[in-house]
Amino acid sequence: MKYPVSSSLRHKGKALDLDATRELITLMGINGEPMGTLSWDFVIDQILAYRKPLASRETRNEPRVTLTFRVKYTTPEGRQFESRAGGIGGGGLFIESLSPLPAGTKLALEFSLPEQPPEWLPAKGLVAWVCPKADQYTFSPGMGVRFTEINPDIRTRVLELVKSLQTVEQSV
């Protein structure tokens, strides 16, 4: 079901397309072209995050940093891809892709952190949101992947790396 955006000055003429079967929301451009898709899960999480008082919004449950590293991923149909990730946190990572997969796609992941480039770390994830082209919020097109399964030791390594990089960023 499509809902036109009419009262927002910045986005007038665009539309929101709600897909209740797949639980996805797609932003459609003025000419009807899809501009990005989010899962309802992600939209709900964002709404709930902004419901919190300002003080608790400043503290993330899952810290993240911008970081470039290699990632391999496989779809349930067996299609395999290798790409570059542009950020990571305890809850997931951002995969750069000119052809991002649809929100809701399950992925088997392997990623290589900069401190041990030859070591591939496994995880499973779900495409939570998609950015089909670079915009003012992201530097490259791609998809945000939420971890659904990750070994606690690997998650700890990710969190330690994020914490060490945040410490470096704060001291600069």
Protein backbone atom coordinates (compact mmCIF):
# COMPACT_ATOMS: atom_id res chain seq x y z
CA MET A 1 0.00 0.00 0.00
CA LYS A 2 1.45 3.38 -1.02
CA TYR A 3 1.15 6.53 1.07
CA PRO A 4 2.09 9.86 -0.54
CA VAL A 5 4.22 12.32 1.40
CA SER A 6 2.40 15.63 1.13
CA SER A 7 2.98 17.78 4.23
CA SER A 8 6.77 17.43 4.57
CA LEU A 9 8.45 20.26 2.65
CA ARG A 10 11.73 18.36 2.26
CA HIS A 11 10.13 15.14 1.01
CA LYS A 12 6.91 16.27 -0.67
CA GLY A 13 6.13 14.15 -3.73
CA LYS A 14 7.84 11.02 -2.43
CA ALA A 15 5.83 8.05 -1.17
CA LEU A 16 6.10 5.29 1.41
CA ASP A 17 5.25 1.81 0.15
CA LEU A 18 4.28 -0.59 2.94
CA ASP A 19 4.59 -4.31 2.19
CA ALA A 20 2.68 -6.05 5.00
CA THR A 21 3.44 -9.53 3.69
CA ARG A 22 7.23 -9.08 3.76
CA GLU A 23 7.12 -6.47 6.58
CA LEU A 24 9.12 -3.91 4.63
CA ILE A 25 8.79 -0.18 4.06
CA THR A 26 10.24 1.34 0.88
CA LEU A 27 10.80 5.04 0.21
CA MET A 28 9.78 5.84 -3.36
CA GLY A 29 11.19 8.87 -5.19
CA ILE A 30 9.17 11.54 -6.96
CA ASN A 31 9.35 9.50 -10.19
CA GLY A 32 8.37 6.27 -8.42
CA GLU A 33 11.90 4.85 -8.19
CA PRO A 34 12.79 2.93 -4.99
CA MET A 35 15.23 4.96 -2.88
CA GLY A 36 15.72 2.55 0.02
CA THR A 37 14.07 -0.21 2.00
CA LEU A 38 13.91 -0.93 5.71
CA SER A 39 12.51 -3.89 7.60
CA TRP A 40 9.70 -3.16 10.04
CA ASP A 41 12.00 -4.59 12.71
CA PHE A 42 14.52 -1.81 12.05
CA VAL A 43 11.86 0.93 11.92
CA ILE A 44 10.37 -0.26 15.22
CA ASP A 45 13.83 -0.36 16.84
CA GLN A 46 14.50 3.21 15.69
CA ILE A 47 11.17 4.47 17.01
CA LEU A 48 11.77 2.79 20.35
CA ALA A 49 15.31 4.20 20.50
CA TYR A 50 14.01 7.74 20.09
CA ARG A 51 11.30 7.21 22.74
CA LYS A 52 13.96 7.02 25.44
CA PRO A 53 14.98 10.09 27.40
CA LEU A 54 17.81 12.09 25.81
CA ALA A 55 20.40 10.92 28.36
CA SER A 56 19.88 7.24 27.58
CA ARG A 57 19.85 7.91 23.82
CA GLU A 58 23.44 9.06 24.07
CA THR A 59 24.51 5.63 25.36
CA ARG A 60 24.23 2.89 22.75
CA ASN A 61 23.69 -0.69 23.78
CA GLU A 62 25.86 -1.75 20.86
CA PRO A 63 28.69 0.72 20.17
CA ARG A 64 29.99 0.92 16.61
CA VAL A 65 32.77 2.53 14.61
CA THR A 66 33.56 3.32 11.00
CA LEU A 67 36.16 0.80 9.91
CA THR A 68 37.07 -0.73 6.56
CA PHE A 69 37.66 -4.49 6.37
CA ARG A 70 36.90 -7.48 4.14
CA VAL A 71 33.66 -9.44 4.34
CA LYS A 72 32.31 -12.50 2.51
CA TYR A 73 28.64 -13.40 2.55
CA THR A 74 26.39 -16.13 1.21
CA THR A 75 22.64 -15.96 0.62
CA PRO A 76 20.26 -18.84 1.47
CA GLU A 77 20.22 -19.68 -2.28
CA GLY A 78 24.00 -20.17 -2.18
CA ARG A 79 25.02 -16.98 -4.01
CA GLN A 80 28.42 -15.88 -2.71
CA PHE A 81 29.81 -12.36 -2.58
CA GLU A 82 32.98 -10.71 -1.35
CA SER A 83 32.97 -7.04 -0.47
CA ARG A 84 34.20 -4.37 1.89
CA ALA A 85 32.56 -3.49 5.17
CA GLY A 86 32.43 0.17 6.15
CA GLY A 87 31.64 -0.15 9.84
CA ILE A 88 31.06 -2.62 12.65
CA GLY A 89 29.67 -2.87 16.15
CA GLY A 90 28.48 -5.49 18.59
CA GLY A 91 25.12 -5.65 16.83
CA GLY A 92 26.18 -5.91 13.20
CA LEU A 93 28.06 -4.37 10.30
CA PHE A 94 27.58 -2.28 7.15
CA ILE A 95 28.47 -3.98 3.86
CA GLU A 96 29.28 -1.73 0.90
CA SER A 97 27.55 -2.93 -2.26
CA LEU A 98 26.40 -1.40 -5.54
CA SER A 99 23.63 -4.05 -5.56
CA PRO A 100 22.51 -4.44 -1.95
CA LEU A 101 20.28 -7.39 -1.15
CA PRO A 102 16.70 -6.77 0.01
CA ALA A 103 15.97 -6.11 3.67
CA GLY A 104 15.05 -9.36 5.40
CA THR A 105 17.62 -11.45 3.49
CA LYS A 106 19.42 -13.94 5.74
CA LEU A 107 23.19 -14.16 5.28
CA ALA A 108 26.05 -16.42 6.33
CA LEU A 109 28.97 -14.06 6.97
CA GLU A 110 32.73 -14.23 7.31
CA PHE A 111 34.71 -11.11 8.07
CA SER A 112 38.37 -10.32 8.59
CA LEU A 113 39.29 -7.73 11.21
CA PRO A 114 42.31 -5.47 10.57
CA GLU A 115 44.32 -6.81 13.53
CA GLN A 116 44.28 -10.37 12.05
CA PRO A 117 43.62 -10.00 8.27
CA PRO A 118 44.20 -13.69 7.37
CA GLU A 119 41.68 -14.88 9.98
CA TRP A 120 38.04 -15.16 8.83
CA LEU A 121 35.43 -14.87 11.59
CA PRO A 122 32.02 -16.51 11.00
CA ALA A 123 28.61 -15.10 11.91
CA LYS A 124 25.04 -15.11 10.64
CA GLY A 125 23.02 -12.00 9.96
CA LEU A 126 19.92 -10.43 8.51
CA VAL A 127 19.81 -7.44 6.15
CA ALA A 128 18.07 -4.87 8.38
CA TRP A 129 18.19 -1.85 6.05
CA VAL A 130 19.35 -0.92 2.58
CA CYS A 131 20.95 2.21 1.12
CA PRO A 132 20.74 1.77 -2.68
CA LYS A 133 22.96 4.77 -3.45
CA ALA A 134 25.36 7.07 -1.63
CA ASP A 135 23.57 9.93 0.08
CA GLN A 136 24.09 12.54 2.78
CA TYR A 137 24.02 9.87 5.51
CA THR A 138 26.20 7.13 4.01
CA PHE A 139 29.32 7.45 1.90
CA SER A 140 28.56 4.44 -0.25
CA PRO A 141 25.59 2.26 -1.17
CA GLY A 142 25.15 -0.94 0.76
CA MET A 143 23.24 -2.70 3.50
CA GLY A 144 23.14 -2.75 7.25
CA VAL A 145 23.35 -6.32 8.54
CA ARG A 146 22.22 -7.19 12.08
CA PHE A 147 23.98 -10.18 13.64
CA THR A 148 21.54 -13.01 14.39
CA GLU A 149 24.20 -15.53 15.43
CA ILE A 150 27.75 -14.72 16.49
CA ASN A 151 30.10 -16.63 18.76
CA PRO A 152 30.42 -14.80 22.10
CA ASP A 153 34.23 -14.80 21.79
CA ILE A 154 34.04 -13.17 18.34
CA ARG A 155 31.51 -10.62 19.60
CA THR A 156 33.86 -9.82 22.50
CA ARG A 157 36.72 -9.27 20.03
CA VAL A 158 34.53 -6.95 17.97
CA LEU A 159 33.50 -4.97 21.06
CA GLU A 160 37.13 -4.71 22.26
CA LEU A 161 38.19 -3.44 18.82
CA VAL A 162 35.33 -0.91 18.78
CA LYS A 163 36.23 0.27 22.28
CA SER A 164 39.92 0.65 21.40
CA LEU A 165 39.10 2.63 18.25
CA GLN A 166 36.65 4.87 20.12
CA THR A 167 39.38 5.59 22.67
CA VAL A 168 41.74 6.57 19.85
CA GLU A 169 39.07 8.78 18.21
CA GLN A 170 38.37 10.56 21.51
CA SER A 171 42.06 11.30 22.14
CA VAL A 172 42.55 12.89 18.68
